[in-house]
Amino acid sequence: MAEDAEHFHADLEALGFRAVGQNRKGEITYAKQASRYLVYNVHWDTAAGDVLFTWEFAIGEFFDARGMQIGSNEALNLFLFPQFDARGRPDVAFVAAELDRAEAIFRSIDLLESAE
């Protein structure tokens, strides 16, 4: 099992993730800074043997940098998150698939899209 853990850690690093912390229960958090505004996170519960994949997008800062604001313009406190985080096994294929899925969502956004 330790060898599998080492492989998963190395695979995450190969995808650009870096370990950024570990809580008292042993859950390790990894982060990948995809852009100035977008961070992907993997929370690996080594005891339970599962992974939670999520992301956060600093939408307030993103629009502020473009001369726009949301609401009262609390740019540093406005983040976009997925409605549902993804859970899976500690497998690089799971993480890579979730990265692809998230990036497909971001690529599909069209602010000029007409409502039909």
N, C-alpha and C. Protein backbone atom coordinates (compact mmCIF):
# COMPACT_ATOMS: atom_id res chain seq x y z
N MET A 1 0.82 -1.20 0.00
CA MET A 1 0.00 0.00 0.00
C MET A 1 0.87 1.27 0.00
N ALA A 2 1.98 1.24 0.73
CA ALA A 2 2.87 2.41 0.76
C ALA A 2 3.43 2.72 -0.61
N GLU A 3 3.71 1.65 -1.36
CA GLU A 3 4.22 1.85 -2.72
C GLU A 3 3.16 2.51 -3.60
N ASP A 4 1.89 2.07 -3.46
CA ASP A 4 0.79 2.69 -4.21
C ASP A 4 0.66 4.17 -3.84
N ALA A 5 0.81 4.48 -2.56
CA ALA A 5 0.72 5.86 -2.10
C ALA A 5 1.84 6.70 -2.71
N GLU A 6 3.04 6.15 -2.76
CA GLU A 6 4.16 6.87 -3.36
C GLU A 6 3.90 7.12 -4.85
N HIS A 7 3.35 6.13 -5.53
CA HIS A 7 3.05 6.29 -6.95
C HIS A 7 1.98 7.36 -7.17
N PHE A 8 0.93 7.34 -6.34
CA PHE A 8 -0.13 8.33 -6.50
C PHE A 8 0.41 9.74 -6.25
N HIS A 9 1.22 9.89 -5.22
CA HIS A 9 1.85 11.19 -4.93
C HIS A 9 2.70 11.64 -6.13
N ALA A 10 3.50 10.75 -6.67
CA ALA A 10 4.35 11.08 -7.82
C ALA A 10 3.50 11.41 -9.05
N ASP A 11 2.41 10.67 -9.24
CA ASP A 11 1.52 10.93 -10.38
C ASP A 11 0.87 12.31 -10.26
N LEU A 12 0.44 12.67 -9.04
CA LEU A 12 -0.15 14.00 -8.84
C LEU A 12 0.88 15.09 -9.15
N GLU A 13 2.10 14.90 -8.68
CA GLU A 13 3.15 15.87 -8.98
C GLU A 13 3.40 15.97 -10.48
N ALA A 14 3.34 14.85 -11.18
CA ALA A 14 3.53 14.86 -12.63
C ALA A 14 2.42 15.65 -13.33
N LEU A 15 1.22 15.68 -12.73
CA LEU A 15 0.11 16.47 -13.28
C LEU A 15 0.21 17.95 -12.89
N GLY A 16 1.19 18.30 -12.06
CA GLY A 16 1.37 19.69 -11.66
C GLY A 16 0.83 20.03 -10.28
N PHE A 17 0.37 19.03 -9.53
CA PHE A 17 -0.11 19.27 -8.17
C PHE A 17 1.05 19.29 -7.20
N ARG A 18 0.91 20.07 -6.14
CA ARG A 18 1.90 20.12 -5.06
C ARG A 18 1.17 19.92 -3.74
N ALA A 19 1.78 19.13 -2.86
CA ALA A 19 1.21 18.95 -1.52
C ALA A 19 1.29 20.29 -0.79
N VAL A 20 0.16 20.73 -0.23
CA VAL A 20 0.13 22.02 0.45
C VAL A 20 -0.25 21.90 1.92
N GLY A 21 -0.60 20.71 2.37
CA GLY A 21 -0.93 20.55 3.78
C GLY A 21 -1.46 19.17 4.10
N GLN A 22 -1.50 18.91 5.40
CA GLN A 22 -2.05 17.65 5.90
C GLN A 22 -2.73 17.94 7.21
N ASN A 23 -3.98 17.46 7.37
CA ASN A 23 -4.68 17.71 8.62
C ASN A 23 -4.37 16.62 9.65
N ARG A 24 -4.94 16.74 10.84
CA ARG A 24 -4.66 15.80 11.93
C ARG A 24 -5.12 14.38 11.62
N LYS A 25 -6.11 14.26 10.76
CA LYS A 25 -6.63 12.94 10.41
C LYS A 25 -5.79 12.26 9.33
N GLY A 26 -4.81 12.98 8.80
CA GLY A 26 -3.94 12.41 7.78
C GLY A 26 -4.33 12.74 6.36
N GLU A 27 -5.43 13.50 6.17
CA GLU A 27 -5.85 13.88 4.81
C GLU A 27 -4.84 14.87 4.24
N ILE A 28 -4.36 14.55 3.05
CA ILE A 28 -3.35 15.40 2.39
C ILE A 28 -4.05 16.23 1.32
N THR A 29 -3.76 17.52 1.31
CA THR A 29 -4.32 18.42 0.30
C THR A 29 -3.24 18.77 -0.70
N TYR A 30 -3.61 18.64 -1.97
CA TYR A 30 -2.75 19.01 -3.09
C TYR A 30 -3.43 20.13 -3.85
N ALA A 31 -2.64 21.04 -4.40
CA ALA A 31 -3.19 22.14 -5.20
C ALA A 31 -2.40 22.26 -6.50
N LYS A 32 -3.14 22.66 -7.53
CA LYS A 32 -2.53 22.95 -8.83
C LYS A 32 -3.04 24.31 -9.27
N GLN A 33 -2.14 25.28 -9.38
CA GLN A 33 -2.50 26.63 -9.82
C GLN A 33 -2.56 26.61 -11.34
N ALA A 34 -3.77 26.49 -11.89
CA ALA A 34 -3.95 26.38 -13.34
C ALA A 34 -3.81 27.73 -14.03
N SER A 35 -4.19 28.78 -13.35
CA SER A 35 -4.05 30.14 -13.88
C SER A 35 -4.01 31.09 -12.69
N ARG A 36 -3.92 32.35 -12.99
CA ARG A 36 -3.92 33.35 -11.91
C ARG A 36 -5.18 33.25 -11.06
N TYR A 37 -6.27 32.78 -11.65
CA TYR A 37 -7.57 32.78 -10.99
C TYR A 37 -8.09 31.40 -10.62
N LEU A 38 -7.55 30.35 -11.21
CA LEU A 38 -8.09 29.00 -11.05
C LEU A 38 -7.13 28.08 -10.32
N VAL A 39 -7.66 27.43 -9.27
CA VAL A 39 -6.88 26.45 -8.50
C VAL A 39 -7.67 25.15 -8.44
N TYR A 40 -7.02 24.05 -8.80
CA TYR A 40 -7.59 22.72 -8.63
C TYR A 40 -7.07 22.16 -7.32
N ASN A 41 -7.94 21.45 -6.59
CA ASN A 41 -7.54 20.85 -5.32
C ASN A 41 -7.90 19.37 -5.29
N VAL A 42 -7.00 18.59 -4.75
CA VAL A 42 -7.24 17.17 -4.48
C VAL A 42 -7.04 16.98 -2.98
N HIS A 43 -8.06 16.41 -2.34
CA HIS A 43 -7.99 16.08 -0.92
C HIS A 43 -7.96 14.56 -0.83
N TRP A 44 -6.85 14.02 -0.39
CA TRP A 44 -6.63 12.58 -0.36
C TRP A 44 -6.74 12.08 1.07
N ASP A 45 -7.77 11.32 1.35
CA ASP A 45 -7.96 10.70 2.66
C ASP A 45 -7.28 9.33 2.60
N THR A 46 -6.07 9.28 3.10
CA THR A 46 -5.27 8.06 2.99
C THR A 46 -5.87 6.93 3.82
N ALA A 47 -6.52 7.25 4.92
CA ALA A 47 -7.12 6.22 5.78
C ALA A 47 -8.34 5.59 5.10
N ALA A 48 -9.18 6.40 4.50
CA ALA A 48 -10.39 5.89 3.83
C ALA A 48 -10.08 5.40 2.43
N GLY A 49 -8.97 5.84 1.88
CA GLY A 49 -8.59 5.41 0.53
C GLY A 49 -9.40 6.07 -0.56
N ASP A 50 -9.80 7.33 -0.33
CA ASP A 50 -10.53 8.02 -1.40
C ASP A 50 -10.00 9.44 -1.58
N VAL A 51 -10.43 10.01 -2.70
CA VAL A 51 -9.95 11.32 -3.12
C VAL A 51 -11.16 12.20 -3.42
N LEU A 52 -11.08 13.45 -3.01
CA LEU A 52 -12.09 14.44 -3.38
C LEU A 52 -11.41 15.44 -4.29
N PHE A 53 -11.99 15.66 -5.46
CA PHE A 53 -11.46 16.62 -6.44
C PHE A 53 -12.40 17.81 -6.48
N THR A 54 -11.85 19.01 -6.40
CA THR A 54 -12.66 20.22 -6.50
C THR A 54 -11.80 21.33 -7.10
N TRP A 55 -12.40 22.49 -7.29
CA TRP A 55 -11.67 23.64 -7.81
C TRP A 55 -12.30 24.92 -7.27
N GLU A 56 -11.55 26.00 -7.37
CA GLU A 56 -12.09 27.32 -7.05
C GLU A 56 -11.56 28.32 -8.05
N PHE A 57 -12.44 29.19 -8.48
CA PHE A 57 -12.10 30.21 -9.47
C PHE A 57 -12.38 31.56 -8.85
N ALA A 58 -11.36 32.42 -8.78
CA ALA A 58 -11.49 33.76 -8.20
C ALA A 58 -12.21 34.66 -9.20
N ILE A 59 -13.52 34.48 -9.28
CA ILE A 59 -14.32 35.18 -10.28
C ILE A 59 -14.36 36.68 -10.03
N GLY A 60 -14.35 37.09 -8.76
CA GLY A 60 -14.33 38.53 -8.46
C GLY A 60 -13.08 39.19 -9.00
N GLU A 61 -11.93 38.58 -8.75
CA GLU A 61 -10.67 39.13 -9.25
C GLU A 61 -10.59 39.06 -10.77
N PHE A 62 -11.11 37.99 -11.35
CA PHE A 62 -11.12 37.82 -12.79
C PHE A 62 -11.83 38.98 -13.47
N PHE A 63 -13.04 39.30 -13.00
CA PHE A 63 -13.79 40.39 -13.62
C PHE A 63 -13.24 41.75 -13.23
N ASP A 64 -12.75 41.89 -12.02
CA ASP A 64 -12.14 43.16 -11.59
C ASP A 64 -10.97 43.53 -12.50
N ALA A 65 -10.16 42.53 -12.89
CA ALA A 65 -9.02 42.76 -13.77
C ALA A 65 -9.45 43.20 -15.17
N ARG A 66 -10.74 42.99 -15.48
CA ARG A 66 -11.28 43.36 -16.78
C ARG A 66 -12.19 44.58 -16.69
N GLY A 67 -12.12 45.28 -15.56
CA GLY A 67 -12.89 46.51 -15.39
C GLY A 67 -14.38 46.28 -15.16
N MET A 68 -14.73 45.10 -14.66
CA MET A 68 -16.13 44.78 -14.37
C MET A 68 -16.24 44.38 -12.91
N GLN A 69 -17.46 44.39 -12.42
CA GLN A 69 -17.65 43.97 -11.04
C GLN A 69 -18.93 43.16 -10.89
N ILE A 70 -18.97 42.39 -9.83
CA ILE A 70 -20.14 41.61 -9.48
C ILE A 70 -20.69 42.20 -8.19
N GLY A 71 -21.93 42.58 -8.18
CA GLY A 71 -22.55 43.15 -6.97
C GLY A 71 -21.80 44.36 -6.47
N SER A 72 -21.51 44.35 -5.18
CA SER A 72 -20.84 45.50 -4.56
C SER A 72 -19.33 45.47 -4.74
N ASN A 73 -18.83 44.55 -5.57
CA ASN A 73 -17.42 44.43 -5.94
C ASN A 73 -16.52 44.04 -4.78
N GLU A 74 -16.90 43.02 -4.07
CA GLU A 74 -16.02 42.42 -3.08
C GLU A 74 -15.11 41.43 -3.81
N ALA A 75 -14.27 41.96 -4.67
CA ALA A 75 -13.50 41.14 -5.61
C ALA A 75 -12.67 40.05 -4.93
N LEU A 76 -12.12 40.34 -3.77
CA LEU A 76 -11.27 39.36 -3.12
C LEU A 76 -12.05 38.25 -2.42
N ASN A 77 -13.36 38.39 -2.32
CA ASN A 77 -14.17 37.41 -1.60
C ASN A 77 -15.17 36.68 -2.48
N LEU A 78 -15.06 36.80 -3.79
CA LEU A 78 -16.01 36.14 -4.69
C LEU A 78 -15.32 35.00 -5.42
N PHE A 79 -15.77 33.79 -5.13
CA PHE A 79 -15.20 32.60 -5.75
C PHE A 79 -16.30 31.76 -6.37
N LEU A 80 -15.97 31.13 -7.45
CA LEU A 80 -16.86 30.20 -8.14
C LEU A 80 -16.37 28.80 -7.79
N PHE A 81 -17.31 27.91 -7.43
CA PHE A 81 -17.00 26.53 -7.07
C PHE A 81 -17.94 25.61 -7.85
N PRO A 82 -17.57 24.35 -8.00
CA PRO A 82 -18.52 23.41 -8.62
C PRO A 82 -19.68 23.15 -7.65
N GLN A 83 -20.85 22.88 -8.18
CA GLN A 83 -21.99 22.55 -7.32
C GLN A 83 -21.73 21.25 -6.58
N PHE A 84 -21.04 20.32 -7.21
CA PHE A 84 -20.77 19.03 -6.61
C PHE A 84 -19.31 18.66 -6.83
N ASP A 85 -18.62 18.31 -5.76
CA ASP A 85 -17.25 17.83 -5.87
C ASP A 85 -17.27 16.37 -6.33
N ALA A 86 -16.19 15.92 -6.90
CA ALA A 86 -16.10 14.55 -7.39
C ALA A 86 -15.29 13.71 -6.40
N ARG A 87 -15.77 12.51 -6.14
CA ARG A 87 -15.06 11.57 -5.28
C ARG A 87 -14.67 10.34 -6.08
N GLY A 88 -13.48 9.84 -5.78
CA GLY A 88 -13.00 8.66 -6.46
C GLY A 88 -11.88 8.00 -5.68
N ARG A 89 -11.28 7.03 -6.30
CA ARG A 89 -10.16 6.31 -5.70
C ARG A 89 -8.87 7.08 -5.97
N PRO A 90 -7.86 6.84 -5.17
CA PRO A 90 -6.57 7.50 -5.42
C PRO A 90 -5.90 6.92 -6.66
N ASP A 91 -6.34 7.42 -7.81
CA ASP A 91 -5.88 6.93 -9.10
C ASP A 91 -5.69 8.15 -10.00
N VAL A 92 -4.55 8.25 -10.62
CA VAL A 92 -4.25 9.40 -11.47
C VAL A 92 -5.24 9.51 -12.62
N ALA A 93 -5.77 8.39 -13.09
CA ALA A 93 -6.75 8.44 -14.18
C ALA A 93 -8.02 9.17 -13.73
N PHE A 94 -8.45 8.96 -12.49
CA PHE A 94 -9.61 9.68 -11.96
C PHE A 94 -9.34 11.18 -11.92
N VAL A 95 -8.20 11.57 -11.39
CA VAL A 95 -7.85 12.99 -11.28
C VAL A 95 -7.72 13.62 -12.67
N ALA A 96 -7.07 12.94 -13.59
CA ALA A 96 -6.90 13.46 -14.95
C ALA A 96 -8.25 13.63 -15.63
N ALA A 97 -9.17 12.68 -15.43
CA ALA A 97 -10.50 12.78 -16.04
C ALA A 97 -11.26 13.97 -15.46
N GLU A 98 -11.12 14.22 -14.17
CA GLU A 98 -11.80 15.36 -13.55
C GLU A 98 -11.19 16.68 -14.02
N LEU A 99 -9.88 16.71 -14.21
CA LEU A 99 -9.25 17.91 -14.77
C LEU A 99 -9.81 18.18 -16.17
N ASP A 100 -9.89 17.14 -16.98
CA ASP A 100 -10.42 17.29 -18.34
C ASP A 100 -11.87 17.77 -18.31
N ARG A 101 -12.67 17.21 -17.41
CA ARG A 101 -14.08 17.59 -17.31
C ARG A 101 -14.22 19.06 -16.91
N ALA A 102 -13.44 19.48 -15.91
CA ALA A 102 -13.49 20.88 -15.46
C ALA A 102 -13.04 21.83 -16.57
N GLU A 103 -11.96 21.48 -17.25
CA GLU A 103 -11.46 22.34 -18.31
C GLU A 103 -12.45 22.43 -19.47
N ALA A 104 -13.17 21.35 -19.76
CA ALA A 104 -14.19 21.38 -20.80
C ALA A 104 -15.32 22.34 -20.42
N ILE A 105 -15.67 22.37 -19.15
CA ILE A 105 -16.70 23.30 -18.68
C ILE A 105 -16.22 24.74 -18.88
N PHE A 106 -14.99 25.03 -18.47
CA PHE A 106 -14.47 26.39 -18.61
C PHE A 106 -14.37 26.80 -20.08
N ARG A 107 -13.95 25.89 -20.95
CA ARG A 107 -13.85 26.21 -22.38
C ARG A 107 -15.22 26.44 -23.01
N SER A 108 -16.26 25.86 -22.44
CA SER A 108 -17.60 25.98 -23.03
C SER A 108 -18.33 27.26 -22.65
N ILE A 109 -17.79 28.02 -21.73
CA ILE A 109 -18.48 29.24 -21.29
C ILE A 109 -18.41 30.31 -22.37
N ASP A 110 -19.56 30.84 -22.70
CA ASP A 110 -19.67 31.89 -23.71
C ASP A 110 -20.56 32.98 -23.10
N LEU A 111 -19.96 34.09 -22.73
CA LEU A 111 -20.72 35.17 -22.10
C LEU A 111 -21.69 35.86 -23.03
N LEU A 112 -21.56 35.63 -24.32
CA LEU A 112 -22.47 36.24 -25.28
C LEU A 112 -23.53 35.26 -25.76
N GLU A 113 -23.57 34.10 -25.15
CA GLU A 113 -24.54 33.07 -25.54
C GLU A 113 -25.96 33.59 -25.34
N SER A 114 -26.79 33.38 -26.34
CA SER A 114 -28.19 33.84 -26.23
C SER A 114 -29.01 32.78 -25.53
N ALA A 115 -29.94 33.23 -24.71
CA ALA A 115 -30.84 32.31 -24.03
C ALA A 115 -31.90 31.83 -25.01
N GLU A 116 -32.12 30.55 -25.03
CA GLU A 116 -33.13 30.00 -25.96
C GLU A 116 -34.16 29.24 -25.18
